Amino acid sequence: MNDLIASCQGFILIGRSRSGVEEMIERQAERSGQSPSAFKQRAIERGWVIGEADECVQALCKFKDLGINHIILSFRNDVEISPLELFMDKVAPQLE
């Protein structure tokens, strides 16, 4: 069983601050025609990773603990590069 490779795909909303995360949720909710609270609840139910860098690390470590070898993340904040940079600077190094 050691050679079994498990992977999953999911979505991530990552921000530098709580207010930044909430702004992203509001934009995504507006795009989908939902209230921010309804959008966030549905996203959480569907397994989205949402939060500041430390919250995202904790959420992604749970996948690692379940034996997931690879995770493919779609960054839902597609209007700026800073979420990708934040992920590379603060999250990725902690997952190695």
Protein backbone atom coordinates (compact mmCIF):
# COMPACT_ATOMS: atom_id res chain seq x y z
CA MET A 1 0.00 0.00 0.00
CA ASN A 2 2.97 2.35 0.32
CA ASP A 3 3.00 2.90 -3.43
CA LEU A 4 -0.61 4.08 -3.57
CA ILE A 5 -0.84 7.71 -4.66
CA ALA A 6 -3.91 9.69 -3.66
CA SER A 7 -4.80 13.08 -5.03
CA CYS A 8 -7.67 15.52 -4.88
CA GLN A 9 -8.74 18.77 -6.44
CA GLY A 10 -10.23 21.76 -4.68
CA PHE A 11 -10.65 25.50 -4.46
CA ILE A 12 -8.83 28.01 -2.29
CA LEU A 13 -9.52 31.58 -1.22
CA ILE A 14 -6.48 32.94 0.62
CA GLY A 15 -5.91 36.45 1.92
CA ARG A 16 -3.38 38.38 3.99
CA SER A 17 -6.03 39.47 6.50
CA ARG A 18 -9.50 38.54 7.68
CA SER A 19 -10.92 41.59 5.91
CA GLY A 20 -9.13 40.59 2.70
CA VAL A 21 -10.64 37.12 2.86
CA GLU A 22 -14.10 38.59 3.47
CA GLU A 23 -13.69 40.89 0.44
CA MET A 24 -12.88 37.89 -1.73
CA ILE A 25 -15.91 36.04 -0.41
CA GLU A 26 -18.08 39.05 -1.23
CA ARG A 27 -16.75 39.20 -4.81
CA GLN A 28 -17.26 35.48 -5.35
CA ALA A 29 -20.75 35.65 -3.85
CA GLU A 30 -21.70 38.53 -6.13
CA ARG A 31 -20.45 36.61 -9.18
CA SER A 32 -22.55 33.61 -8.22
CA GLY A 33 -25.65 35.60 -7.27
CA GLN A 34 -25.58 34.58 -3.61
CA SER A 35 -25.26 36.39 -0.32
CA PRO A 36 -21.74 36.29 1.15
CA SER A 37 -22.88 34.11 4.05
CA ALA A 38 -24.66 31.64 1.74
CA PHE A 39 -21.66 31.50 -0.59
CA LYS A 40 -19.24 30.90 2.28
CA GLN A 41 -21.40 28.21 3.86
CA ARG A 42 -21.78 26.36 0.57
CA ALA A 43 -18.06 26.66 -0.20
CA ILE A 44 -17.13 25.25 3.21
CA GLU A 45 -19.60 22.40 2.77
CA ARG A 46 -17.94 21.60 -0.57
CA GLY A 47 -14.48 21.49 1.02
CA TRP A 48 -13.04 24.82 -0.09
CA VAL A 49 -9.93 26.02 1.75
CA ILE A 50 -10.73 29.55 2.94
CA GLY A 51 -8.75 31.87 5.18
CA GLU A 52 -5.49 33.55 6.00
CA ALA A 53 -2.22 31.68 5.37
CA ASP A 54 -2.10 29.92 8.76
CA GLU A 55 -5.71 28.75 8.40
CA CYS A 56 -4.96 27.40 4.93
CA VAL A 57 -1.91 25.53 6.22
CA GLN A 58 -4.05 23.87 8.91
CA ALA A 59 -6.74 22.91 6.41
CA LEU A 60 -4.25 21.51 3.90
CA CYS A 61 -2.41 19.54 6.59
CA LYS A 62 -5.66 17.66 7.21
CA PHE A 63 -5.49 16.37 3.63
CA LYS A 64 -1.91 15.28 4.22
CA ASP A 65 -2.97 13.50 7.42
CA LEU A 66 -5.60 11.62 5.39
CA GLY A 67 -2.87 10.29 3.09
CA ILE A 68 -3.39 12.68 0.18
CA ASN A 69 -0.11 12.92 -1.74
CA HIS A 70 -1.08 15.65 -4.21
CA ILE A 71 -3.68 18.38 -4.16
CA ILE A 72 -4.58 20.52 -7.14
CA LEU A 73 -5.84 23.92 -6.05
CA SER A 74 -7.79 26.39 -8.12
CA PHE A 75 -7.28 29.93 -6.85
CA ARG A 76 -10.68 31.57 -7.05
CA ASN A 77 -9.43 35.13 -6.70
CA ASP A 78 -8.55 35.44 -10.35
CA VAL A 79 -8.20 39.23 -10.46
CA GLU A 80 -4.83 39.56 -8.73
CA ILE A 81 -1.57 37.69 -8.32
CA SER A 82 -1.09 38.33 -4.59
CA PRO A 83 -2.98 35.18 -3.44
CA LEU A 84 -0.58 33.03 -5.44
CA GLU A 85 2.41 34.88 -4.03
CA LEU A 86 1.03 34.58 -0.51
CA PHE A 87 0.52 30.85 -0.97
CA MET A 88 4.07 30.37 -2.27
CA ASP A 89 5.62 32.50 0.50
CA LYS A 90 3.62 31.43 3.55
CA VAL A 91 1.79 28.15 2.86
CA ALA A 92 3.81 25.97 0.48
CA PRO A 93 7.00 25.95 2.61
CA GLN A 94 5.04 24.60 5.58
CA LEU A 95 3.59 21.70 3.57
CA GLU A 96 6.87 20.15 2.41
